[in-house]
C-alpha cells in the first residue's frame, strides 16, 4: 500500500521536497507530519522517490526608469519693467525668443537679452502682425523715462476703458 504525494518545506529555505513513499519507509513518518495537506499526486506503491524544486526565497527587485534629475536652469525675467539697469545687465534668460530684443538691448547666442546702456527696462508689444503676443524688451535712457512712462500709462488706461465698454 502506498502514500500519496506530499509537499513540505525543507529546512534549507528554498527547497521543497515532493516525496512518494510507502508507509514503512523512513519518509513514511512524513505522513503523520503532513496530515491535512492536500494530495499532490497519485499513489505509486512501495517504491520511494523524492523531487526537489527550488523556490524563490527573496522577492525580485524591479528596476525603475526614474531616479534622475537635471539641475535647474533659472530661466525667466531678471529685471522687470521700470527697473534700473547698467550695460551688460541680464534682463531675461530664455530658450528661443519668447521676448525679443528691442532698442538699446543685445541678445546672446543662448537668447539671453541684456542691456547695452544705462537706463530703465521697458516692455512693449511687437509691432509685427506676424508675431502676435510677442513682447519686446527695450532699455530707455533716464532722460526719456518720464515721457515713455506717461505714454505707456495713457495707452494702458485707454485699453482698459475699451475693455470695460466691451464687457458692459
N, C-alpha and C. Protein backbone atom coordinates (compact mmCIF):
# COMPACT_ATOMS: atom_id res chain seq x y z
N UNK A 1 0.85 -1.18 0.00
CA UNK A 1 0.00 0.00 0.00
C UNK A 1 0.89 1.24 0.00
N UNK A 2 0.50 2.31 -0.69
CA UNK A 2 1.36 3.47 -0.85
C UNK A 2 0.77 4.72 -0.22
N UNK A 3 1.57 5.73 -0.20
CA UNK A 3 1.17 7.02 0.36
C UNK A 3 1.13 8.04 -0.78
N UNK A 4 0.21 8.92 -0.71
CA UNK A 4 0.06 9.92 -1.77
C UNK A 4 1.22 10.90 -1.74
N UNK A 5 1.40 11.59 -2.87
CA UNK A 5 2.47 12.60 -2.99
C UNK A 5 2.19 13.76 -2.04
N UNK A 6 3.17 14.10 -1.22
CA UNK A 6 3.02 15.15 -0.22
C UNK A 6 4.09 16.23 -0.43
N UNK A 7 3.82 17.44 0.07
CA UNK A 7 4.79 18.53 -0.04
C UNK A 7 5.10 19.07 1.34
N UNK A 8 6.31 19.40 1.58
CA UNK A 8 6.70 20.05 2.83
C UNK A 8 7.86 21.00 2.56
N UNK A 9 7.99 21.98 3.39
CA UNK A 9 9.07 22.95 3.27
C UNK A 9 10.33 22.35 3.84
N UNK A 10 11.40 22.35 3.08
CA UNK A 10 12.64 21.77 3.56
C UNK A 10 13.34 22.74 4.50
N UNK A 11 14.23 22.25 5.30
CA UNK A 11 14.91 23.10 6.27
C UNK A 11 15.97 23.99 5.63
N UNK A 12 16.24 23.84 4.33
CA UNK A 12 17.25 24.65 3.67
C UNK A 12 16.67 25.91 3.04
N UNK A 13 15.51 26.34 3.42
CA UNK A 13 14.93 27.60 2.97
C UNK A 13 14.20 27.49 1.66
N UNK A 14 14.90 27.28 0.56
CA UNK A 14 14.25 27.33 -0.72
C UNK A 14 13.94 25.99 -1.34
N UNK A 15 14.21 24.88 -0.68
CA UNK A 15 13.93 23.58 -1.27
C UNK A 15 12.62 23.05 -0.75
N UNK A 16 11.84 22.52 -1.66
CA UNK A 16 10.56 21.93 -1.31
C UNK A 16 10.65 20.46 -1.73
N UNK A 17 10.38 19.59 -0.83
CA UNK A 17 10.50 18.17 -1.12
C UNK A 17 9.14 17.60 -1.47
N UNK A 18 9.06 17.00 -2.62
CA UNK A 18 7.84 16.32 -3.03
C UNK A 18 8.14 14.83 -2.97
N UNK A 19 7.61 14.13 -1.98
CA UNK A 19 8.00 12.73 -1.77
C UNK A 19 6.87 11.76 -2.00
N UNK A 20 7.21 10.59 -2.59
CA UNK A 20 6.28 9.47 -2.74
C UNK A 20 6.90 8.31 -1.99
N UNK A 21 6.26 7.85 -0.95
CA UNK A 21 6.86 6.81 -0.15
C UNK A 21 5.81 5.84 0.35
N UNK A 22 6.27 4.64 0.64
CA UNK A 22 5.41 3.66 1.31
C UNK A 22 5.41 4.00 2.80
N UNK A 23 4.42 3.54 3.49
CA UNK A 23 4.29 3.89 4.90
C UNK A 23 5.35 3.25 5.76
N UNK A 24 6.02 2.16 5.28
CA UNK A 24 7.04 1.53 6.10
C UNK A 24 8.44 2.07 5.81
N UNK A 25 8.60 3.07 4.90
CA UNK A 25 9.92 3.63 4.59
C UNK A 25 10.24 4.74 5.58
N UNK A 26 11.52 5.19 5.60
CA UNK A 26 11.89 6.28 6.53
C UNK A 26 11.08 7.56 6.30
N UNK A 27 10.67 7.85 5.09
CA UNK A 27 9.87 9.04 4.84
C UNK A 27 8.39 8.81 5.15
N UNK A 28 8.06 7.60 5.58
CA UNK A 28 6.67 7.31 5.95
C UNK A 28 6.22 8.13 7.14
N UNK A 29 7.17 8.51 7.98
CA UNK A 29 6.84 9.36 9.13
C UNK A 29 6.36 10.73 8.68
N UNK A 30 6.72 11.09 7.45
CA UNK A 30 6.28 12.37 6.89
C UNK A 30 4.77 12.45 6.83
N UNK A 31 4.13 11.29 6.65
CA UNK A 31 2.68 11.26 6.55
C UNK A 31 2.02 11.80 7.81
N UNK A 32 2.57 11.47 8.96
CA UNK A 32 1.98 11.96 10.20
C UNK A 32 2.21 13.46 10.36
N UNK A 33 3.32 13.98 9.81
CA UNK A 33 3.61 15.41 9.92
C UNK A 33 2.76 16.25 8.96
N UNK A 34 2.39 15.65 7.84
CA UNK A 34 1.71 16.41 6.80
C UNK A 34 0.24 16.07 6.71
N UNK A 35 -0.36 15.58 7.76
CA UNK A 35 -1.79 15.31 7.73
C UNK A 35 -2.54 16.62 7.52
N UNK A 36 -3.50 16.61 6.66
CA UNK A 36 -4.28 17.81 6.38
C UNK A 36 -3.81 18.56 5.15
N UNK A 37 -2.60 18.28 4.65
CA UNK A 37 -2.15 18.93 3.41
C UNK A 37 -2.84 18.27 2.23
N UNK A 38 -3.12 19.02 1.18
CA UNK A 38 -3.78 18.40 0.03
C UNK A 38 -2.85 17.44 -0.68
N UNK A 39 -3.41 16.44 -1.30
CA UNK A 39 -2.62 15.47 -2.03
C UNK A 39 -2.20 16.07 -3.36
N UNK A 40 -0.94 15.83 -3.74
CA UNK A 40 -0.41 16.41 -4.96
C UNK A 40 -0.22 15.39 -6.08
N UNK A 41 -0.56 14.16 -5.89
CA UNK A 41 -0.34 13.18 -6.94
C UNK A 41 -1.08 11.89 -6.64
N UNK A 42 -0.73 10.83 -7.33
CA UNK A 42 -1.35 9.53 -7.14
C UNK A 42 -0.38 8.63 -6.39
N UNK A 43 -0.91 7.57 -5.82
CA UNK A 43 -0.06 6.60 -5.12
C UNK A 43 0.63 5.72 -6.14
N UNK A 44 1.90 5.38 -5.85
CA UNK A 44 2.67 4.58 -6.78
C UNK A 44 3.07 3.22 -6.24
N UNK A 45 2.81 2.93 -5.02
CA UNK A 45 3.19 1.63 -4.48
C UNK A 45 4.35 1.76 -3.51
N UNK A 46 5.07 0.65 -3.26
CA UNK A 46 6.09 0.66 -2.22
C UNK A 46 7.36 1.42 -2.58
N UNK A 47 7.58 1.75 -3.85
CA UNK A 47 8.81 2.46 -4.22
C UNK A 47 8.78 3.88 -3.65
N UNK A 48 9.97 4.38 -3.36
CA UNK A 48 10.08 5.71 -2.74
C UNK A 48 10.90 6.61 -3.65
N UNK A 49 10.42 7.84 -3.94
CA UNK A 49 11.18 8.79 -4.75
C UNK A 49 10.92 10.19 -4.22
N UNK A 50 11.87 11.08 -4.41
CA UNK A 50 11.73 12.48 -3.99
C UNK A 50 12.10 13.39 -5.15
N UNK A 51 11.37 14.48 -5.28
CA UNK A 51 11.65 15.50 -6.29
C UNK A 51 11.88 16.80 -5.53
N UNK A 52 13.02 17.47 -5.77
CA UNK A 52 13.31 18.72 -5.09
C UNK A 52 13.11 19.87 -6.08
N UNK A 53 12.33 20.86 -5.68
CA UNK A 53 12.03 22.02 -6.52
C UNK A 53 12.58 23.25 -5.82
N UNK A 54 13.37 24.04 -6.55
CA UNK A 54 13.95 25.26 -5.98
C UNK A 54 12.91 26.37 -6.04
N UNK A 55 12.60 27.01 -4.92
CA UNK A 55 11.65 28.12 -4.88
C UNK A 55 12.38 29.39 -4.45
N UNK A 56 11.84 30.53 -4.83
CA UNK A 56 12.48 31.81 -4.52
C UNK A 56 12.34 32.11 -3.03
N UNK A 57 13.42 32.53 -2.42
CA UNK A 57 13.37 32.89 -1.00
C UNK A 57 13.48 34.40 -0.82
N UNK A 58 13.75 35.12 -1.90
CA UNK A 58 13.85 36.58 -1.80
C UNK A 58 13.02 37.18 -2.93
N UNK A 59 12.32 38.25 -2.62
CA UNK A 59 11.47 38.87 -3.63
C UNK A 59 12.34 39.56 -4.68
N UNK A 60 11.91 39.46 -5.92
CA UNK A 60 12.66 40.06 -7.02
C UNK A 60 12.62 41.58 -6.94
N UNK A 61 13.73 42.25 -7.13
CA UNK A 61 13.77 43.71 -7.13
C UNK A 61 13.62 44.23 -8.54
N UNK A 62 12.66 45.09 -8.78
CA UNK A 62 12.44 45.63 -10.12
C UNK A 62 13.32 46.85 -10.37
N UNK A 63 13.42 47.23 -11.63
CA UNK A 63 14.19 48.42 -11.98
C UNK A 63 13.23 49.56 -12.27
N UNK A 64 13.70 50.79 -12.13
CA UNK A 64 12.87 51.96 -12.35
C UNK A 64 13.50 52.84 -13.41
N UNK A 65 12.65 53.48 -14.22
CA UNK A 65 13.16 54.40 -15.24
C UNK A 65 13.35 55.80 -14.68
N UNK A 66 12.86 56.06 -13.47
CA UNK A 66 13.01 57.38 -12.87
C UNK A 66 14.33 57.44 -12.11
N UNK A 67 14.47 58.39 -11.24
CA UNK A 67 15.65 58.46 -10.40
C UNK A 67 16.71 59.42 -10.91
N UNK A 68 16.43 60.14 -11.99
CA UNK A 68 17.39 61.13 -12.48
C UNK A 68 16.73 62.51 -12.41
N UNK A 69 17.54 63.53 -12.31
CA UNK A 69 17.01 64.88 -12.29
C UNK A 69 18.09 65.81 -12.82
N UNK A 70 17.68 66.83 -13.56
CA UNK A 70 18.65 67.79 -14.08
C UNK A 70 18.68 69.01 -13.18
N UNK A 71 19.81 69.69 -13.21
CA UNK A 71 19.92 70.89 -12.38
C UNK A 71 19.04 72.00 -12.96
N UNK A 72 18.57 72.93 -12.12
CA UNK A 72 17.68 73.99 -12.60
C UNK A 72 18.39 74.95 -13.54
N UNK A 73 17.64 75.51 -14.47
CA UNK A 73 18.22 76.40 -15.49
C UNK A 73 18.04 77.88 -15.17
N UNK A 74 17.18 78.21 -14.23
CA UNK A 74 16.98 79.60 -13.79
C UNK A 74 16.65 80.53 -14.94
N UNK A 75 15.65 80.14 -15.75
CA UNK A 75 15.23 80.97 -16.88
C UNK A 75 14.18 81.98 -16.41
N UNK A 76 13.94 83.00 -17.23
CA UNK A 76 12.90 83.97 -16.93
C UNK A 76 13.42 85.40 -16.91
N UNK A 77 12.52 86.29 -16.49
CA UNK A 77 12.84 87.72 -16.41
C UNK A 77 13.70 87.97 -15.17
N UNK A 78 14.79 88.68 -15.35
CA UNK A 78 15.66 89.03 -14.23
C UNK A 78 15.48 90.49 -13.79
N UNK A 79 15.15 91.35 -14.73
CA UNK A 79 14.87 92.76 -14.43
C UNK A 79 13.51 93.11 -15.03
N UNK A 80 12.61 93.61 -14.20
CA UNK A 80 11.24 93.90 -14.64
C UNK A 80 11.12 95.34 -15.13
N UNK A 81 9.96 95.67 -15.67
CA UNK A 81 9.72 96.98 -16.24
C UNK A 81 9.90 98.07 -15.20
N UNK A 82 10.65 99.11 -15.56
CA UNK A 82 10.90 100.24 -14.66
C UNK A 82 12.15 100.07 -13.82
N UNK A 83 12.78 98.91 -13.83
CA UNK A 83 13.99 98.70 -13.01
C UNK A 83 15.20 99.30 -13.70
N UNK A 84 16.12 99.78 -12.89
CA UNK A 84 17.36 100.40 -13.38
C UNK A 84 18.35 99.31 -13.79
N UNK A 85 18.97 99.48 -14.96
CA UNK A 85 19.99 98.55 -15.44
C UNK A 85 21.21 99.32 -15.90
N UNK A 86 22.35 98.66 -15.88
CA UNK A 86 23.60 99.22 -16.40
C UNK A 86 24.04 98.36 -17.58
N UNK A 87 25.00 98.80 -18.38
CA UNK A 87 25.42 98.00 -19.54
C UNK A 87 25.89 96.60 -19.11
N UNK A 88 25.38 95.59 -19.80
CA UNK A 88 25.76 94.22 -19.51
C UNK A 88 24.82 93.48 -18.56
N UNK A 89 23.90 94.20 -17.91
CA UNK A 89 22.95 93.54 -17.02
C UNK A 89 22.05 92.60 -17.82
N UNK A 90 21.85 91.40 -17.30
CA UNK A 90 20.94 90.45 -17.94
C UNK A 90 19.52 90.83 -17.58
N UNK A 91 18.68 90.98 -18.59
CA UNK A 91 17.28 91.34 -18.38
C UNK A 91 16.40 90.09 -18.40
N UNK A 92 16.69 89.16 -19.32
CA UNK A 92 15.88 87.94 -19.43
C UNK A 92 16.74 86.80 -19.93
N UNK A 93 16.51 85.61 -19.36
CA UNK A 93 17.12 84.38 -19.88
C UNK A 93 15.99 83.51 -20.41
N UNK A 94 16.21 82.91 -21.57
CA UNK A 94 15.13 82.19 -22.23
C UNK A 94 15.67 81.11 -23.14
N UNK A 95 14.79 80.19 -23.53
CA UNK A 95 15.08 79.21 -24.58
C UNK A 95 14.25 79.63 -25.79
N UNK A 96 14.90 79.98 -26.87
CA UNK A 96 14.19 80.56 -28.01
C UNK A 96 13.95 82.04 -27.73
N UNK A 97 13.11 82.68 -28.54
CA UNK A 97 12.86 84.11 -28.36
C UNK A 97 11.43 84.33 -27.90
N UNK A 98 11.18 84.08 -26.63
CA UNK A 98 9.89 84.41 -26.03
C UNK A 98 9.77 85.93 -25.94
N UNK A 99 10.88 86.59 -25.58
CA UNK A 99 10.97 88.05 -25.54
C UNK A 99 11.99 88.47 -26.59
N UNK A 100 11.61 89.42 -27.42
CA UNK A 100 12.51 89.88 -28.47
C UNK A 100 13.34 91.07 -27.98
N UNK A 101 14.47 91.24 -28.63
CA UNK A 101 15.40 92.30 -28.29
C UNK A 101 14.95 93.59 -28.97
N UNK A 102 14.84 94.68 -28.19
CA UNK A 102 14.39 95.95 -28.72
C UNK A 102 15.50 96.98 -28.73
N UNK A 103 15.13 98.24 -28.48
CA UNK A 103 16.08 99.36 -28.51
C UNK A 103 17.02 99.28 -27.32
N UNK A 104 18.31 99.48 -27.59
CA UNK A 104 19.37 99.51 -26.57
C UNK A 104 19.51 98.18 -25.82
N UNK A 105 19.16 97.07 -26.48
CA UNK A 105 19.33 95.73 -25.90
C UNK A 105 20.13 94.88 -26.87
N UNK A 106 20.82 93.92 -26.32
CA UNK A 106 21.53 92.93 -27.13
C UNK A 106 20.99 91.55 -26.81
N UNK A 107 21.28 90.60 -27.71
CA UNK A 107 20.83 89.23 -27.48
C UNK A 107 22.02 88.30 -27.69
N UNK A 108 22.20 87.38 -26.74
CA UNK A 108 23.32 86.45 -26.79
C UNK A 108 23.01 85.22 -27.62
N UNK A 109 24.02 84.35 -27.78
CA UNK A 109 23.84 83.14 -28.58
C UNK A 109 22.85 82.17 -27.93
N UNK A 110 22.67 82.28 -26.61
CA UNK A 110 21.68 81.43 -25.93
C UNK A 110 20.37 82.19 -25.71
N UNK A 111 20.15 83.27 -26.48
CA UNK A 111 18.94 84.11 -26.47
C UNK A 111 18.78 84.90 -25.17
N UNK A 112 19.86 85.13 -24.46
CA UNK A 112 19.81 85.98 -23.27
C UNK A 112 19.73 87.44 -23.72
N UNK A 113 18.74 88.17 -23.19
CA UNK A 113 18.58 89.59 -23.52
C UNK A 113 19.31 90.40 -22.45
N UNK A 114 20.19 91.31 -22.88
CA UNK A 114 20.97 92.11 -21.93
C UNK A 114 20.97 93.58 -22.35
N UNK A 115 21.33 94.43 -21.41
CA UNK A 115 21.31 95.88 -21.63
C UNK A 115 22.60 96.35 -22.30
N UNK A 116 22.47 97.35 -23.19
CA UNK A 116 23.65 97.95 -23.82
C UNK A 116 23.99 99.32 -23.23
N UNK A 117 23.01 99.95 -22.55
CA UNK A 117 23.23 101.27 -21.96
C UNK A 117 22.66 101.29 -20.54
N UNK A 118 22.94 102.35 -19.82
CA UNK A 118 22.29 102.56 -18.52
C UNK A 118 20.91 103.16 -18.76
N UNK A 119 19.93 102.70 -18.02
CA UNK A 119 18.58 103.22 -18.18
C UNK A 119 17.57 102.35 -17.47
N UNK A 120 16.32 102.46 -17.91
CA UNK A 120 15.22 101.71 -17.30
C UNK A 120 14.66 100.70 -18.31
N UNK A 121 14.25 99.54 -17.81
CA UNK A 121 13.68 98.49 -18.66
C UNK A 121 12.24 98.87 -19.00
N UNK A 122 11.87 98.64 -20.27
CA UNK A 122 10.50 98.92 -20.71
C UNK A 122 10.07 97.81 -21.66
N UNK A 123 8.92 97.19 -21.38
CA UNK A 123 8.36 96.12 -22.22
C UNK A 123 7.29 96.70 -23.13
N UNK A 124 7.31 96.30 -24.40
CA UNK A 124 6.27 96.70 -25.35
C UNK A 124 5.82 95.47 -26.14
N UNK A 125 4.69 95.59 -26.81
CA UNK A 125 4.22 94.52 -27.68
C UNK A 125 4.91 94.64 -29.03
N UNK A 126 5.09 93.50 -29.69
CA UNK A 126 5.73 93.51 -31.01
C UNK A 126 4.79 94.19 -32.02
N UNK A 127 5.35 95.04 -32.84
CA UNK A 127 4.54 95.74 -33.86
C UNK A 127 4.30 94.85 -35.08
N UNK A 128 5.06 93.78 -35.19
CA UNK A 128 4.95 92.88 -36.33
C UNK A 128 3.65 92.08 -36.24
N UNK A 129 2.74 92.17 -37.23
CA UNK A 129 1.48 91.42 -37.17
C UNK A 129 1.69 89.91 -37.30
N UNK A 130 2.86 89.49 -37.77
CA UNK A 130 3.13 88.06 -37.92
C UNK A 130 3.59 87.43 -36.60
N UNK A 131 3.82 88.25 -35.60
CA UNK A 131 4.25 87.74 -34.29
C UNK A 131 3.32 88.25 -33.19
N UNK A 132 2.05 87.84 -33.20
CA UNK A 132 1.13 88.34 -32.18
C UNK A 132 1.47 87.76 -30.80
N UNK A 133 1.33 88.62 -29.79
CA UNK A 133 1.57 88.17 -28.43
C UNK A 133 3.03 88.19 -28.02
N UNK A 134 3.93 88.49 -28.93
CA UNK A 134 5.35 88.55 -28.58
C UNK A 134 5.65 89.88 -27.90
N UNK A 135 6.54 89.83 -26.94
CA UNK A 135 6.94 91.02 -26.20
C UNK A 135 8.34 91.44 -26.63
N UNK A 136 8.55 92.75 -26.63
CA UNK A 136 9.85 93.32 -26.96
C UNK A 136 10.39 94.01 -25.73
N UNK A 137 11.66 93.77 -25.43
CA UNK A 137 12.31 94.39 -24.27
C UNK A 137 13.17 95.54 -24.77
N UNK A 138 12.98 96.72 -24.17
CA UNK A 138 13.75 97.92 -24.51
C UNK A 138 14.41 98.45 -23.26
N UNK A 139 15.50 99.20 -23.44
CA UNK A 139 16.10 99.95 -22.34
C UNK A 139 16.03 101.43 -22.73
N UNK A 140 15.35 102.21 -21.87
CA UNK A 140 15.12 103.64 -22.14
C UNK A 140 16.10 104.45 -21.29
N UNK A 141 16.80 105.42 -21.89
CA UNK A 141 17.69 106.28 -21.10
C UNK A 141 16.91 107.07 -20.05
N UNK A 142 17.58 107.47 -18.98
CA UNK A 142 16.93 108.14 -17.85
C UNK A 142 16.21 109.43 -18.26
N UNK A 143 16.78 110.16 -19.22
CA UNK A 143 16.17 111.42 -19.63
C UNK A 143 14.81 111.21 -20.29
N UNK A 144 14.63 110.13 -20.99
CA UNK A 144 13.39 109.87 -21.71
C UNK A 144 12.38 109.07 -20.89
N UNK A 145 12.78 108.57 -19.73
CA UNK A 145 11.90 107.66 -18.97
C UNK A 145 10.56 108.29 -18.58
N UNK A 146 10.50 109.55 -18.06
CA UNK A 146 9.19 110.10 -17.68
C UNK A 146 8.22 110.18 -18.85
N UNK A 147 8.70 110.57 -20.03
CA UNK A 147 7.83 110.65 -21.20
C UNK A 147 7.33 109.27 -21.64
N UNK A 148 8.22 108.30 -21.64
CA UNK A 148 7.86 106.92 -22.04
C UNK A 148 6.85 106.35 -21.06
N UNK A 149 7.07 106.58 -19.77
CA UNK A 149 6.18 106.05 -18.73
C UNK A 149 4.78 106.67 -18.86
N UNK A 150 4.70 107.99 -19.06
CA UNK A 150 3.40 108.66 -19.20
C UNK A 150 2.66 108.14 -20.44
N UNK A 151 3.36 107.95 -21.55
CA UNK A 151 2.73 107.44 -22.77
C UNK A 151 2.23 106.01 -22.56
N UNK A 152 3.01 105.18 -21.86
CA UNK A 152 2.59 103.79 -21.61
C UNK A 152 1.37 103.75 -20.70
N UNK A 153 1.34 104.60 -19.68
CA UNK A 153 0.20 104.63 -18.77
C UNK A 153 -1.07 105.10 -19.49
N UNK A 154 -0.93 106.08 -20.39
CA UNK A 154 -2.09 106.56 -21.15
C UNK A 154 -2.61 105.46 -22.09
N UNK A 155 -1.68 104.75 -22.73
CA UNK A 155 -2.07 103.65 -23.61
C UNK A 155 -2.80 102.55 -22.83
N UNK A 156 -2.28 102.19 -21.67
CA UNK A 156 -2.89 101.13 -20.86
C UNK A 156 -4.25 101.53 -20.32
N UNK A 157 -4.42 102.78 -19.91
CA UNK A 157 -5.72 103.21 -19.40
C UNK A 157 -6.76 103.24 -20.53
N UNK A 158 -6.36 103.65 -21.74
CA UNK A 158 -7.28 103.63 -22.88
C UNK A 158 -7.68 102.19 -23.22
N UNK A 159 -6.73 101.26 -23.14
CA UNK A 159 -7.02 99.85 -23.42
C UNK A 159 -7.99 99.28 -22.38
N UNK A 160 -7.80 99.63 -21.12
CA UNK A 160 -8.70 99.15 -20.05
C UNK A 160 -10.10 99.72 -20.22
N UNK A 161 -10.21 100.99 -20.60
CA UNK A 161 -11.52 101.62 -20.80
C UNK A 161 -12.25 100.94 -21.97
N UNK A 162 -11.53 100.61 -23.01
CA UNK A 162 -12.13 99.93 -24.15
C UNK A 162 -12.64 98.53 -23.75
N UNK A 163 -11.89 97.83 -22.91
CA UNK A 163 -12.30 96.51 -22.44
C UNK A 163 -13.54 96.59 -21.54
N UNK A 164 -13.62 97.64 -20.71
CA UNK A 164 -14.78 97.81 -19.84
C UNK A 164 -16.04 98.06 -20.65
N UNK A 165 -15.94 98.84 -21.72
CA UNK A 165 -17.08 99.13 -22.59
C UNK A 165 -17.50 97.85 -23.30
N UNK A 166 -16.55 97.01 -23.72
CA UNK A 166 -16.87 95.77 -24.43
C UNK A 166 -17.56 94.78 -23.51
N UNK A 167 -17.20 94.73 -22.23
CA UNK A 167 -17.79 93.78 -21.28
C UNK A 167 -19.12 94.27 -20.73
N UNK A 168 -19.37 95.56 -20.81
CA UNK A 168 -20.62 96.11 -20.23
C UNK A 168 -21.81 95.96 -21.13
